[in-house]
Amino acid sequence: MTSSTYRVIVKPDDDRWHAYCPALIEQGGAAWGHTRAEALENIREVVRMVVDDLRSEGAAIPKDAQITEEPLVAVTV
């Protein structure tokens, strides 16, 4: 198992929040949520699905990703 870290941008958009992953936007790496937390939860799942699909197809993972063999924990303070 490997861990990949991707940069995600979250912005308010009228009454919802838009989240997207620049490295995966061409593969559908975007999501929405009614709250910022919901948008982040949704984009996390989208990124997981996109990366899983890329790996199962044998496609290259975008170079913007940080990939490690060890699990990662991200903390924003």
N, C-alpha and C. Protein backbone atom coordinates (compact mmCIF):
# COMPACT_ATOMS: atom_id res chain seq x y z
N MET A 1 0.84 -1.18 0.00
CA MET A 1 0.00 0.00 0.00
C MET A 1 0.89 1.24 0.00
N THR A 2 0.49 2.24 -0.77
CA THR A 2 1.22 3.49 -0.78
C THR A 2 0.28 4.64 -0.44
N SER A 3 0.86 5.70 0.04
CA SER A 3 0.09 6.90 0.34
C SER A 3 0.50 8.00 -0.62
N SER A 4 -0.47 8.74 -1.08
CA SER A 4 -0.21 9.87 -1.98
C SER A 4 -0.81 11.12 -1.36
N THR A 5 -0.12 12.22 -1.47
CA THR A 5 -0.61 13.48 -0.94
C THR A 5 -0.82 14.45 -2.10
N TYR A 6 -1.98 15.05 -2.16
CA TYR A 6 -2.31 15.98 -3.23
C TYR A 6 -2.75 17.32 -2.64
N ARG A 7 -2.41 18.38 -3.35
CA ARG A 7 -2.87 19.71 -2.97
C ARG A 7 -4.32 19.84 -3.42
N VAL A 8 -5.15 20.39 -2.54
CA VAL A 8 -6.57 20.59 -2.82
C VAL A 8 -6.90 22.05 -2.54
N ILE A 9 -7.72 22.62 -3.39
CA ILE A 9 -8.16 24.00 -3.22
C ILE A 9 -9.66 23.98 -2.93
N VAL A 10 -10.05 24.71 -1.90
CA VAL A 10 -11.47 24.78 -1.51
C VAL A 10 -11.88 26.24 -1.48
N LYS A 11 -12.95 26.56 -2.21
CA LYS A 11 -13.41 27.94 -2.30
C LYS A 11 -14.92 28.01 -2.11
N PRO A 12 -15.41 29.06 -1.47
CA PRO A 12 -16.86 29.24 -1.39
C PRO A 12 -17.41 29.58 -2.78
N ASP A 13 -18.61 29.08 -3.06
CA ASP A 13 -19.25 29.34 -4.36
C ASP A 13 -20.75 29.48 -4.12
N ASP A 14 -21.20 30.72 -3.99
CA ASP A 14 -22.59 31.02 -3.64
C ASP A 14 -22.95 30.33 -2.33
N ASP A 15 -23.90 29.43 -2.34
CA ASP A 15 -24.34 28.79 -1.09
C ASP A 15 -23.66 27.44 -0.85
N ARG A 16 -22.65 27.09 -1.67
CA ARG A 16 -21.93 25.83 -1.49
C ARG A 16 -20.43 26.09 -1.51
N TRP A 17 -19.67 25.01 -1.39
CA TRP A 17 -18.21 25.07 -1.46
C TRP A 17 -17.75 24.19 -2.61
N HIS A 18 -16.75 24.66 -3.34
CA HIS A 18 -16.18 23.92 -4.46
C HIS A 18 -14.77 23.50 -4.05
N ALA A 19 -14.45 22.22 -4.21
CA ALA A 19 -13.12 21.70 -3.91
C ALA A 19 -12.58 21.01 -5.16
N TYR A 20 -11.30 21.24 -5.43
CA TYR A 20 -10.71 20.54 -6.57
C TYR A 20 -9.23 20.28 -6.33
N CYS A 21 -8.74 19.30 -7.04
CA CYS A 21 -7.34 18.89 -6.96
C CYS A 21 -6.70 19.25 -8.30
N PRO A 22 -5.85 20.29 -8.34
CA PRO A 22 -5.26 20.72 -9.61
C PRO A 22 -4.56 19.60 -10.38
N ALA A 23 -3.90 18.70 -9.69
CA ALA A 23 -3.16 17.62 -10.36
C ALA A 23 -4.09 16.61 -11.03
N LEU A 24 -5.35 16.56 -10.57
CA LEU A 24 -6.28 15.55 -11.09
C LEU A 24 -7.52 16.15 -11.73
N ILE A 25 -7.52 17.45 -12.00
CA ILE A 25 -8.71 18.11 -12.53
C ILE A 25 -9.10 17.53 -13.89
N GLU A 26 -8.14 17.17 -14.72
CA GLU A 26 -8.44 16.60 -16.04
C GLU A 26 -9.09 15.23 -15.94
N GLN A 27 -8.88 14.55 -14.83
CA GLN A 27 -9.48 13.22 -14.62
C GLN A 27 -10.77 13.31 -13.80
N GLY A 28 -11.26 14.51 -13.55
CA GLY A 28 -12.50 14.67 -12.80
C GLY A 28 -12.30 14.96 -11.33
N GLY A 29 -11.14 15.44 -10.95
CA GLY A 29 -10.82 15.69 -9.55
C GLY A 29 -11.43 16.94 -8.98
N ALA A 30 -12.77 16.97 -8.91
CA ALA A 30 -13.48 18.12 -8.34
C ALA A 30 -14.72 17.63 -7.60
N ALA A 31 -15.17 18.41 -6.62
CA ALA A 31 -16.35 18.03 -5.84
C ALA A 31 -16.97 19.28 -5.23
N TRP A 32 -18.18 19.13 -4.73
CA TRP A 32 -18.93 20.20 -4.09
C TRP A 32 -19.40 19.74 -2.72
N GLY A 33 -19.77 20.69 -1.89
CA GLY A 33 -20.37 20.38 -0.60
C GLY A 33 -21.13 21.59 -0.09
N HIS A 34 -22.09 21.35 0.79
CA HIS A 34 -22.85 22.45 1.38
C HIS A 34 -22.04 23.19 2.44
N THR A 35 -21.04 22.50 3.00
CA THR A 35 -20.12 23.12 3.96
C THR A 35 -18.69 22.85 3.48
N ARG A 36 -17.75 23.60 4.03
CA ARG A 36 -16.34 23.38 3.68
C ARG A 36 -15.92 21.96 4.06
N ALA A 37 -16.33 21.50 5.22
CA ALA A 37 -15.99 20.16 5.68
C ALA A 37 -16.55 19.09 4.74
N GLU A 38 -17.79 19.30 4.28
CA GLU A 38 -18.40 18.34 3.37
C GLU A 38 -17.67 18.33 2.03
N ALA A 39 -17.28 19.51 1.54
CA ALA A 39 -16.53 19.57 0.29
C ALA A 39 -15.19 18.85 0.42
N LEU A 40 -14.52 19.02 1.54
CA LEU A 40 -13.25 18.32 1.76
C LEU A 40 -13.44 16.82 1.84
N GLU A 41 -14.48 16.38 2.51
CA GLU A 41 -14.77 14.95 2.59
C GLU A 41 -15.05 14.39 1.19
N ASN A 42 -15.83 15.14 0.41
CA ASN A 42 -16.17 14.68 -0.93
C ASN A 42 -14.96 14.64 -1.86
N ILE A 43 -14.10 15.66 -1.80
CA ILE A 43 -12.93 15.67 -2.68
C ILE A 43 -11.95 14.57 -2.27
N ARG A 44 -11.87 14.27 -1.00
CA ARG A 44 -11.00 13.18 -0.54
C ARG A 44 -11.43 11.86 -1.20
N GLU A 45 -12.74 11.62 -1.23
CA GLU A 45 -13.26 10.40 -1.84
C GLU A 45 -13.05 10.41 -3.35
N VAL A 46 -13.26 11.55 -4.00
CA VAL A 46 -13.04 11.65 -5.44
C VAL A 46 -11.57 11.39 -5.79
N VAL A 47 -10.66 12.00 -5.04
CA VAL A 47 -9.23 11.79 -5.30
C VAL A 47 -8.89 10.31 -5.12
N ARG A 48 -9.41 9.69 -4.09
CA ARG A 48 -9.16 8.26 -3.85
C ARG A 48 -9.63 7.44 -5.06
N MET A 49 -10.83 7.73 -5.56
CA MET A 49 -11.38 6.98 -6.70
C MET A 49 -10.56 7.22 -7.97
N VAL A 50 -10.17 8.46 -8.22
CA VAL A 50 -9.40 8.78 -9.43
C VAL A 50 -8.05 8.07 -9.39
N VAL A 51 -7.36 8.15 -8.28
CA VAL A 51 -6.04 7.51 -8.17
C VAL A 51 -6.18 5.99 -8.29
N ASP A 52 -7.20 5.42 -7.67
CA ASP A 52 -7.44 3.99 -7.77
C ASP A 52 -7.69 3.59 -9.22
N ASP A 53 -8.49 4.37 -9.94
CA ASP A 53 -8.75 4.09 -11.36
C ASP A 53 -7.47 4.19 -12.19
N LEU A 54 -6.67 5.23 -11.95
CA LEU A 54 -5.42 5.38 -12.70
C LEU A 54 -4.50 4.18 -12.47
N ARG A 55 -4.39 3.77 -11.23
CA ARG A 55 -3.52 2.62 -10.92
C ARG A 55 -4.04 1.34 -11.54
N SER A 56 -5.35 1.12 -11.48
CA SER A 56 -5.90 -0.12 -12.04
C SER A 56 -5.78 -0.15 -13.56
N GLU A 57 -5.75 1.02 -14.20
CA GLU A 57 -5.57 1.10 -15.65
C GLU A 57 -4.09 1.07 -16.04
N GLY A 58 -3.21 1.14 -15.05
CA GLY A 58 -1.78 1.18 -15.33
C GLY A 58 -1.32 2.53 -15.84
N ALA A 59 -2.14 3.56 -15.64
CA ALA A 59 -1.80 4.91 -16.09
C ALA A 59 -0.84 5.57 -15.11
N ALA A 60 -0.13 6.55 -15.60
CA ALA A 60 0.81 7.27 -14.75
C ALA A 60 0.06 8.14 -13.74
N ILE A 61 0.59 8.19 -12.54
CA ILE A 61 0.05 9.06 -11.50
C ILE A 61 0.68 10.44 -11.73
N PRO A 62 -0.10 11.52 -11.70
CA PRO A 62 0.46 12.85 -11.93
C PRO A 62 1.67 13.14 -11.04
N LYS A 63 2.64 13.83 -11.61
CA LYS A 63 3.90 14.11 -10.91
C LYS A 63 3.72 15.06 -9.74
N ASP A 64 2.61 15.76 -9.67
CA ASP A 64 2.37 16.68 -8.56
C ASP A 64 2.17 15.95 -7.24
N ALA A 65 1.96 14.65 -7.30
CA ALA A 65 1.69 13.88 -6.09
C ALA A 65 2.97 13.55 -5.34
N GLN A 66 2.84 13.51 -4.03
CA GLN A 66 3.92 13.03 -3.18
C GLN A 66 3.51 11.61 -2.80
N ILE A 67 4.29 10.61 -3.21
CA ILE A 67 3.92 9.22 -2.98
C ILE A 67 4.94 8.58 -2.05
N THR A 68 4.45 7.91 -1.02
CA THR A 68 5.33 7.26 -0.06
C THR A 68 4.82 5.85 0.20
N GLU A 69 5.68 5.02 0.75
CA GLU A 69 5.27 3.67 1.13
C GLU A 69 4.61 3.66 2.51
N GLU A 70 4.84 4.67 3.30
CA GLU A 70 4.30 4.76 4.65
C GLU A 70 3.02 5.60 4.65
N PRO A 71 2.07 5.29 5.53
CA PRO A 71 0.87 6.11 5.63
C PRO A 71 1.23 7.53 6.10
N LEU A 72 0.45 8.48 5.67
CA LEU A 72 0.67 9.87 6.05
C LEU A 72 -0.52 10.39 6.84
N VAL A 73 -0.25 11.32 7.71
CA VAL A 73 -1.30 12.04 8.43
C VAL A 73 -1.10 13.51 8.13
N ALA A 74 -2.14 14.16 7.66
CA ALA A 74 -2.05 15.58 7.36
C ALA A 74 -2.74 16.36 8.46
N VAL A 75 -2.07 17.38 8.95
CA VAL A 75 -2.63 18.23 10.01
C VAL A 75 -2.47 19.68 9.57
N THR A 76 -3.55 20.42 9.63
CA THR A 76 -3.50 21.84 9.33
C THR A 76 -3.74 22.59 10.63
N VAL A 77 -2.79 23.45 11.00
CA VAL A 77 -2.90 24.19 12.26
C VAL A 77 -2.99 25.67 11.96
